[in-house]
Protein backbone atom coordinates (compact mmCIF):
# COMPACT_ATOMS: atom_id res chain seq x y z
CA MET A 1 1.93 -22.06 3.95
CA LYS A 2 2.32 -20.10 7.17
CA VAL A 3 3.04 -16.33 6.94
CA GLY A 4 3.68 -13.66 9.47
CA VAL A 5 3.50 -9.90 8.77
CA TYR A 6 5.28 -7.10 10.31
CA GLY A 7 4.11 -3.52 9.92
CA ALA A 8 0.41 -4.08 9.25
CA THR A 9 -1.29 -0.77 9.79
CA GLY A 10 0.07 1.37 7.00
CA TYR A 11 -1.69 1.50 3.65
CA GLY A 12 0.76 -0.94 2.02
CA GLY A 13 0.60 -3.32 5.02
CA MET A 14 -3.21 -3.26 5.10
CA GLN A 15 -3.47 -3.91 1.31
CA LEU A 16 -1.01 -6.88 1.77
CA ILE A 17 -3.19 -8.34 4.66
CA THR A 18 -6.34 -7.91 2.73
CA LEU A 19 -4.91 -9.91 -0.12
CA LEU A 20 -3.22 -12.53 2.08
CA GLN A 21 -6.35 -13.37 3.89
CA ARG A 22 -8.02 -14.25 0.62
CA HIS A 23 -5.09 -16.26 -0.84
CA PRO A 24 -6.08 -20.06 -0.81
CA GLU A 25 -2.60 -21.34 0.04
CA VAL A 26 -1.85 -18.89 2.94
CA SER A 27 -2.56 -19.18 6.55
CA LEU A 28 -1.97 -15.79 8.29
CA GLU A 29 -0.37 -16.74 11.57
CA PHE A 30 0.43 -13.43 13.16
CA ILE A 31 0.15 -9.70 12.34
CA SER A 32 2.69 -7.45 14.28
CA SER A 33 2.38 -3.70 15.11
CA ASN A 34 4.31 -2.20 18.00
CA SER A 35 2.20 0.86 17.79
CA HIS A 36 -1.23 -0.86 18.01
CA SER A 37 -0.25 -4.17 19.81
CA GLY A 38 -3.21 -5.72 21.73
CA ILE A 39 -5.95 -4.28 19.45
CA PRO A 40 -7.87 -6.25 17.04
CA LEU A 41 -6.97 -5.37 13.44
CA SER A 42 -10.64 -4.90 12.56
CA ASN A 43 -10.73 -1.96 15.09
CA LEU A 44 -8.34 -0.09 12.83
CA TYR A 45 -9.86 -1.09 9.55
CA LYS A 46 -13.52 -1.55 10.13
CA LYS A 47 -14.00 -3.17 6.63
CA LEU A 48 -12.38 -6.31 8.02
CA THR A 49 -15.08 -6.81 10.74
CA GLY A 50 -16.24 -10.37 10.50
CA ARG A 51 -13.52 -11.34 8.10
CA LEU A 52 -10.35 -11.07 10.06
CA SER A 53 -10.21 -11.77 13.87
CA HIS A 54 -6.35 -11.33 14.44
CA ILE A 55 -5.20 -9.30 17.57
CA LEU A 56 -2.12 -7.19 16.75
CA ILE A 57 1.03 -8.40 18.55
CA ASP A 58 4.25 -6.46 19.24
CA SER A 59 7.64 -7.46 17.75
CA GLU A 60 8.72 -9.25 21.03
CA GLU A 61 5.75 -11.54 20.84
CA ALA A 62 6.34 -12.01 17.03
CA LYS A 63 9.94 -13.13 17.75
CA ALA A 64 8.49 -16.15 19.71
CA ARG A 65 6.38 -17.14 16.67
CA LEU A 66 9.27 -16.96 14.12
CA GLU A 67 9.88 -20.86 14.16
CA SER A 68 6.38 -21.54 13.39
CA VAL A 69 6.03 -19.67 9.92
CA ASP A 70 7.49 -20.25 6.50
CA LEU A 71 7.70 -16.66 5.24
CA ILE A 72 7.82 -13.08 6.72
CA PHE A 73 6.55 -10.11 4.93
CA LEU A 74 8.01 -6.74 6.22
CA ALA A 75 5.91 -3.64 5.40
CA LEU A 76 8.09 -1.26 7.58
CA PRO A 77 9.69 2.10 6.90
CA HIS A 78 13.05 2.35 5.19
CA GLY A 79 15.69 2.42 7.80
CA VAL A 80 13.66 0.40 10.30
CA SER A 81 13.16 -2.74 8.20
CA MET A 82 16.88 -3.80 8.13
CA SER A 83 16.94 -4.09 11.97
CA TYR A 84 14.00 -6.44 12.07
CA VAL A 85 15.48 -8.47 9.22
CA LYS A 86 18.64 -8.70 11.25
CA GLU A 87 16.61 -10.10 14.17
CA ILE A 88 14.66 -12.58 12.11
CA ILE A 89 17.70 -14.03 10.53
CA ALA A 90 19.38 -14.52 13.96
CA ILE A 91 16.28 -16.28 15.35
CA ASN A 92 15.45 -18.44 12.20
CA PRO A 93 18.10 -18.31 9.48
CA HIS A 94 15.88 -20.61 7.25
CA LEU A 95 12.98 -18.26 7.04
CA LYS A 96 12.05 -16.68 3.64
CA ILE A 97 11.64 -13.02 3.71
CA ILE A 98 10.02 -10.41 1.44
CA ASP A 99 10.96 -6.95 2.33
CA LEU A 100 8.70 -4.04 0.95
CA SER A 101 10.94 -1.32 2.10
CA GLY A 102 13.92 0.18 0.14
CA ASP A 103 16.51 -1.26 2.54
CA PHE A 104 17.68 -4.13 0.30
CA ARG A 105 16.76 -2.92 -3.21
CA ILE A 106 20.06 -0.91 -3.80
CA GLN A 107 23.27 -3.21 -4.16
CA ASN A 108 25.51 -0.26 -3.96
CA LEU A 109 25.56 0.52 -0.29
CA GLN A 110 27.47 3.80 -0.72
CA ILE A 111 24.49 4.97 -3.04
CA TYR A 112 21.92 3.65 -0.58
CA GLU A 113 23.43 5.45 2.28
CA GLU A 114 23.78 8.66 0.31
CA TRP A 115 20.23 8.68 -1.00
CA TYR A 116 18.30 7.10 2.00
CA GLY A 117 20.42 8.76 4.83
CA PHE A 118 20.93 5.64 6.90
CA ASP A 119 23.96 3.58 7.64
CA HIS A 120 23.22 0.04 6.51
CA ILE A 121 23.48 -2.32 9.52
CA LEU A 122 23.22 -5.61 7.49
CA LYS A 123 25.64 -5.00 4.60
CA GLU A 124 26.63 -8.64 4.33
CA LYS A 125 23.06 -9.65 3.58
CA VAL A 126 22.29 -7.29 0.81
CA PRO A 127 23.82 -9.33 -2.05
CA GLU A 128 21.49 -12.23 -0.95
CA PHE A 129 18.28 -10.17 -1.75
CA VAL A 130 16.95 -10.65 -5.23
CA TYR A 131 15.07 -7.68 -6.73
CA GLY A 132 11.52 -8.78 -6.73
CA LEU A 133 10.36 -7.58 -10.31
CA PRO A 134 9.05 -10.94 -11.65
CA GLU A 135 8.99 -9.79 -15.29
CA LEU A 136 12.84 -9.33 -15.22
CA PHE A 137 13.94 -11.73 -12.44
CA ARG A 138 11.59 -14.53 -12.55
CA GLU A 139 13.98 -17.41 -12.34
CA LYS A 140 16.11 -15.85 -9.71
CA ILE A 141 12.90 -15.18 -7.55
CA LYS A 142 11.89 -18.82 -7.86
CA LYS A 143 15.20 -19.76 -6.06
CA ALA A 144 15.59 -16.89 -3.69
CA GLN A 145 15.32 -16.95 0.13
CA TYR A 146 15.15 -13.14 0.38
CA ILE A 147 13.27 -10.74 -1.80
CA ALA A 148 13.56 -6.98 -2.01
CA ASN A 149 10.21 -5.94 -3.25
CA PRO A 150 10.57 -2.96 -5.86
CA GLY A 151 9.52 0.56 -5.24
CA CYS A 152 6.29 1.81 -6.70
CA PHE A 153 7.75 4.53 -8.98
CA PRO A 154 10.60 2.20 -10.09
CA THR A 155 8.14 -0.52 -11.13
CA SER A 156 6.18 1.90 -13.32
CA MET A 157 9.52 3.15 -15.01
CA ILE A 158 11.65 0.10 -15.20
CA LEU A 159 8.99 -2.02 -16.98
CA PRO A 160 8.63 0.28 -20.01
CA LEU A 161 12.20 1.18 -20.14
CA TYR A 162 13.98 -2.20 -19.88
CA PRO A 163 13.16 -3.85 -23.27
CA LEU A 164 14.03 -0.68 -25.21
CA MET A 165 17.27 -0.08 -23.25
CA ASP A 166 18.14 -3.83 -23.48
CA GLN A 167 17.78 -3.64 -27.41
CA GLY A 168 19.81 -0.29 -27.53
CA VAL A 169 17.21 1.53 -29.40
CA LEU A 170 17.15 4.54 -27.17
CA GLU A 171 19.51 7.52 -26.42
CA PRO A 172 20.72 7.45 -22.96
CA ARG A 173 18.92 10.68 -21.78
CA VAL A 174 15.77 9.82 -20.00
CA ILE A 175 13.28 12.25 -18.36
CA VAL A 176 10.38 11.00 -16.23
CA ASP A 177 7.43 13.07 -14.99
CA ALA A 178 5.40 10.95 -12.64
CA LYS A 179 2.13 11.49 -10.68
CA THR A 180 1.13 9.58 -7.61
CA GLY A 181 -1.73 9.50 -5.32
CA VAL A 182 -1.29 10.44 -1.62
CA SER A 183 -1.36 6.92 -0.35
CA GLY A 184 2.07 6.62 -1.53
CA ALA A 185 3.32 9.02 1.13
CA GLY A 186 2.06 6.67 3.87
CA ARG A 187 -0.50 6.95 6.61
CA LYS A 188 1.22 9.27 9.05
CA ALA A 189 -0.28 12.79 9.43
CA LYS A 190 1.81 15.29 7.44
CA GLU A 191 0.76 18.93 6.80
CA GLN A 192 1.44 18.72 3.05
CA PHE A 193 -0.91 15.74 2.76
CA LEU A 194 -3.91 17.18 4.57
CA PHE A 195 -7.07 17.21 2.59
CA SER A 196 -7.14 21.05 2.25
CA GLU A 197 -3.57 20.92 1.04
CA VAL A 198 -3.90 18.33 -1.62
CA GLN A 199 -7.59 18.92 -2.77
CA ASP A 200 -7.73 20.99 -5.99
CA ASN A 201 -3.86 21.01 -6.04
CA THR A 202 -0.95 19.28 -7.78
CA TYR A 203 2.74 19.76 -6.93
CA ALA A 204 6.16 18.47 -7.57
CA TYR A 205 8.49 17.10 -4.82
CA ASN A 206 12.05 15.87 -4.66
CA THR A 207 12.79 16.65 -8.30
CA GLY A 208 16.12 15.11 -9.15
CA ARG A 209 16.64 13.82 -5.60
CA HIS A 210 13.86 11.18 -5.21
CA ARG A 211 15.26 8.01 -3.58
CA HIS A 212 13.74 5.84 -6.28
CA SER A 213 16.10 7.30 -8.85
CA PRO A 214 19.26 5.36 -8.11
CA GLU A 215 16.96 2.14 -7.89
CA VAL A 216 15.94 2.60 -11.50
CA VAL A 217 19.38 3.43 -12.84
CA GLU A 218 21.01 0.48 -10.98
CA ILE A 219 18.47 -2.13 -12.28
CA ILE A 220 18.58 -0.86 -15.89
CA ARG A 221 22.53 -1.10 -15.60
CA GLU A 222 22.42 -4.54 -14.11
CA THR A 223 19.91 -6.01 -16.67
CA THR A 224 21.01 -4.25 -19.87
CA GLY A 225 24.65 -3.12 -19.27
CA LYS A 226 23.67 0.40 -20.18
CA THR A 227 23.82 3.71 -18.26
CA MET A 228 21.21 6.51 -18.47
CA GLU A 229 21.23 10.23 -17.96
CA PHE A 230 18.14 10.08 -15.84
CA LEU A 231 16.04 12.90 -14.29
CA PHE A 232 12.91 12.07 -12.39
CA SER A 233 10.24 14.52 -11.09
CA PRO A 234 7.44 13.10 -8.90
CA HIS A 235 4.24 14.96 -8.36
CA ILE A 236 1.37 14.52 -5.93
CA VAL A 237 -2.16 14.56 -7.23
CA PRO A 238 -5.39 14.73 -5.46
CA SER A 239 -6.03 10.95 -5.64
CA SER A 240 -5.91 8.22 -3.00
CA ARG A 241 -3.88 5.64 -5.20
CA GLY A 242 -2.34 5.20 -8.65
CA ILE A 243 0.93 6.12 -10.36
CA TYR A 244 1.15 7.58 -13.85
CA SER A 245 4.63 7.82 -15.36
CA THR A 246 5.26 9.68 -18.53
CA ILE A 247 8.61 9.02 -19.86
CA TYR A 248 10.42 11.22 -22.35
CA THR A 249 13.31 9.82 -24.41
CA THR A 250 14.70 9.72 -28.03
CA LEU A 251 14.95 6.81 -30.45
CA ARG A 252 18.27 6.13 -32.03
CA GLU A 253 18.62 7.06 -35.70
CA GLY A 254 16.74 4.83 -37.99
CA VAL A 255 14.60 3.04 -35.27
CA THR A 256 10.95 3.03 -36.10
CA PRO A 257 7.83 3.03 -33.90
CA GLU A 258 6.91 -0.23 -35.55
CA GLU A 259 10.16 -1.69 -34.11
CA ILE A 260 9.23 -0.38 -30.69
CA ASN A 261 5.97 -2.26 -30.74
CA ALA A 262 7.60 -5.45 -31.89
CA ILE A 263 10.27 -5.23 -29.14
CA TYR A 264 7.39 -4.79 -26.38
CA GLN A 265 5.50 -7.77 -27.91
CA THR A 266 8.59 -9.93 -27.73
CA TYR A 267 9.45 -9.13 -24.23
CA TYR A 268 5.87 -8.82 -22.64
CA GLY A 269 3.46 -10.29 -25.07
CA ASN A 270 2.92 -13.35 -22.85
CA GLU A 271 3.02 -11.56 -19.51
CA ALA A 272 -0.12 -12.05 -17.32
CA PHE A 273 -0.07 -8.56 -15.75
CA ILE A 274 1.47 -6.34 -18.48
CA GLU A 275 -1.01 -4.92 -21.16
CA LEU A 276 0.53 -3.17 -24.18
CA THR A 277 -2.35 -0.86 -25.07
CA PRO A 278 -3.27 0.82 -28.35
CA PHE A 279 -4.53 3.83 -26.32
CA ILE A 280 -2.94 6.10 -23.79
CA PRO A 281 -3.91 4.52 -20.36
CA SER A 282 -5.26 6.14 -17.22
CA THR A 283 -4.78 5.16 -13.65
CA LYS A 284 -8.49 4.01 -13.40
CA ASP A 285 -7.59 1.38 -15.78
CA VAL A 286 -5.31 -0.35 -13.38
CA ASN A 287 -6.30 0.77 -9.86
CA ARG A 288 -7.10 -2.14 -7.45
CA SER A 289 -5.15 -4.61 -9.75
CA ASN A 290 -1.78 -6.05 -10.21
CA ARG A 291 -1.72 -4.84 -13.73
CA VAL A 292 0.58 -2.48 -15.75
CA PHE A 293 -0.53 -0.67 -18.81
CA ILE A 294 2.12 0.60 -21.14
CA HIS A 295 1.70 2.60 -24.32
CA SER A 296 4.32 4.21 -26.59
CA PHE A 297 3.94 7.34 -28.81
CA HIS A 298 6.54 8.68 -31.15
CA ASP A 299 6.29 12.45 -32.07
CA PRO A 300 8.17 12.92 -35.45
CA LEU A 301 8.30 16.72 -35.18
CA SER A 302 10.34 16.73 -31.87
CA LYS A 303 11.72 13.27 -32.51
CA THR A 304 10.59 12.33 -28.97
CA LEU A 305 9.44 8.90 -27.93
CA ILE A 306 6.96 9.15 -25.02
CA LEU A 307 6.20 6.04 -22.88
CA PHE A 308 2.99 6.03 -20.79
CA SER A 309 2.96 3.67 -17.86
CA THR A 310 0.17 3.22 -15.17
CA ILE A 311 0.01 1.02 -12.07
CA ASP A 312 -1.61 1.03 -8.67
CA ASN A 313 1.00 2.04 -6.14
CA LEU A 314 -0.47 -0.14 -3.38
CA MET A 315 -0.91 -3.22 -5.60
CA LYS A 316 1.67 -3.84 -8.35
CA GLY A 317 3.69 -1.06 -6.75
CA ALA A 318 3.86 -2.76 -3.30
CA SER A 319 1.48 -5.56 -2.00
CA SER A 320 0.23 -7.68 -4.92
CA GLN A 321 3.66 -7.64 -6.41
CA ALA A 322 4.94 -8.92 -3.12
CA ILE A 323 2.38 -11.78 -3.43
CA GLN A 324 3.35 -12.35 -7.09
CA ASN A 325 6.87 -12.97 -5.67
CA MET A 326 5.56 -15.30 -2.94
CA ASN A 327 3.82 -17.35 -5.58
CA LEU A 328 6.93 -17.75 -7.59
CA MET A 329 8.98 -18.68 -4.50
CA TRP A 330 6.55 -21.43 -3.55
CA GLY A 331 5.84 -22.75 -7.03
CA PHE A 332 2.17 -21.71 -6.98
CA ASP A 333 0.49 -20.19 -10.13
CA GLU A 334 1.92 -16.72 -10.42
CA THR A 335 -1.48 -15.08 -10.60
CA LEU A 336 -2.92 -16.94 -7.56
CA GLY A 337 -4.66 -14.68 -5.14
CA ILE A 338 -4.00 -11.50 -7.23
CA ASP A 339 -5.94 -12.02 -10.40
CA THR A 340 -8.59 -9.84 -8.77
CA ASP A 341 -11.65 -8.21 -10.41
CA TYR A 342 -11.00 -4.81 -11.56
CA TYR A 343 -12.94 -1.95 -10.41
CA TYR A 344 -13.41 1.45 -12.42
CA LEU A 345 -14.37 3.37 -9.42
């Protein structure tokens, strides 16, 4: 299968390319970057020296190659990706596309434009994008031409919430305190992400206004028919990767912790990448893997149910999940190329 990638020089794009070049069914035909065109990719990422010889090309040259590939990955910023999707579809309407930005995740375009601050230029195509969370939309993904790859925070929140919301065992009020490593903010230099600002520091940002909030609410409503009073507060921690979501909610009267465990086993007991752990997980448990660790704890004194969820933001939160979607679209083993070794450090 022949693949092209737009937006290869950010952290997510680089993780994607690292995985694609090892995938046994993939031929990486081109890698596009307007800001670094004409430069060998290995000049930017020395780790690829001797492993990947691709010269980066600009988007104009990439257009000329769209007829020769089967699938395009876009690892571009929000608001930018949709313009490339529009060009790609105009040139080759039969291409399959996996978009890692937020431009096609939210079906309610009024909500998208309010939270992202962009006028959507491809409104008519948004309904054709399937939300690429395999554990919820596996059968739709298999038949899809276009995939909207989920956000990193939403992946870590939707997976633990969905089974319990679907079974109606939770009160509708949900509060999420989530921590992320700095790679989630991208590779561009920003003052608040300088080493001296992040080291020995933790801080909240965009509390109640993070653009991933409506994504979670919409997918839970779509899959369960239920609405939530949802508050999300993300935090930056001095780590390069990983997401740790701690979710606070309340069980409906009469529901027991044993029932919660049974629900999770019914929904996720056979999932290749979800681990229902008897312990409270850490980000090191999942970093550099496509795995999700979920643990539930019920505090009888406060009557609070706490859900712990950990993922790698660059893997299950972005690139390896995109490949998981690709595997489903082409009928490959879902774990192919992403059932990687797990490193503790």
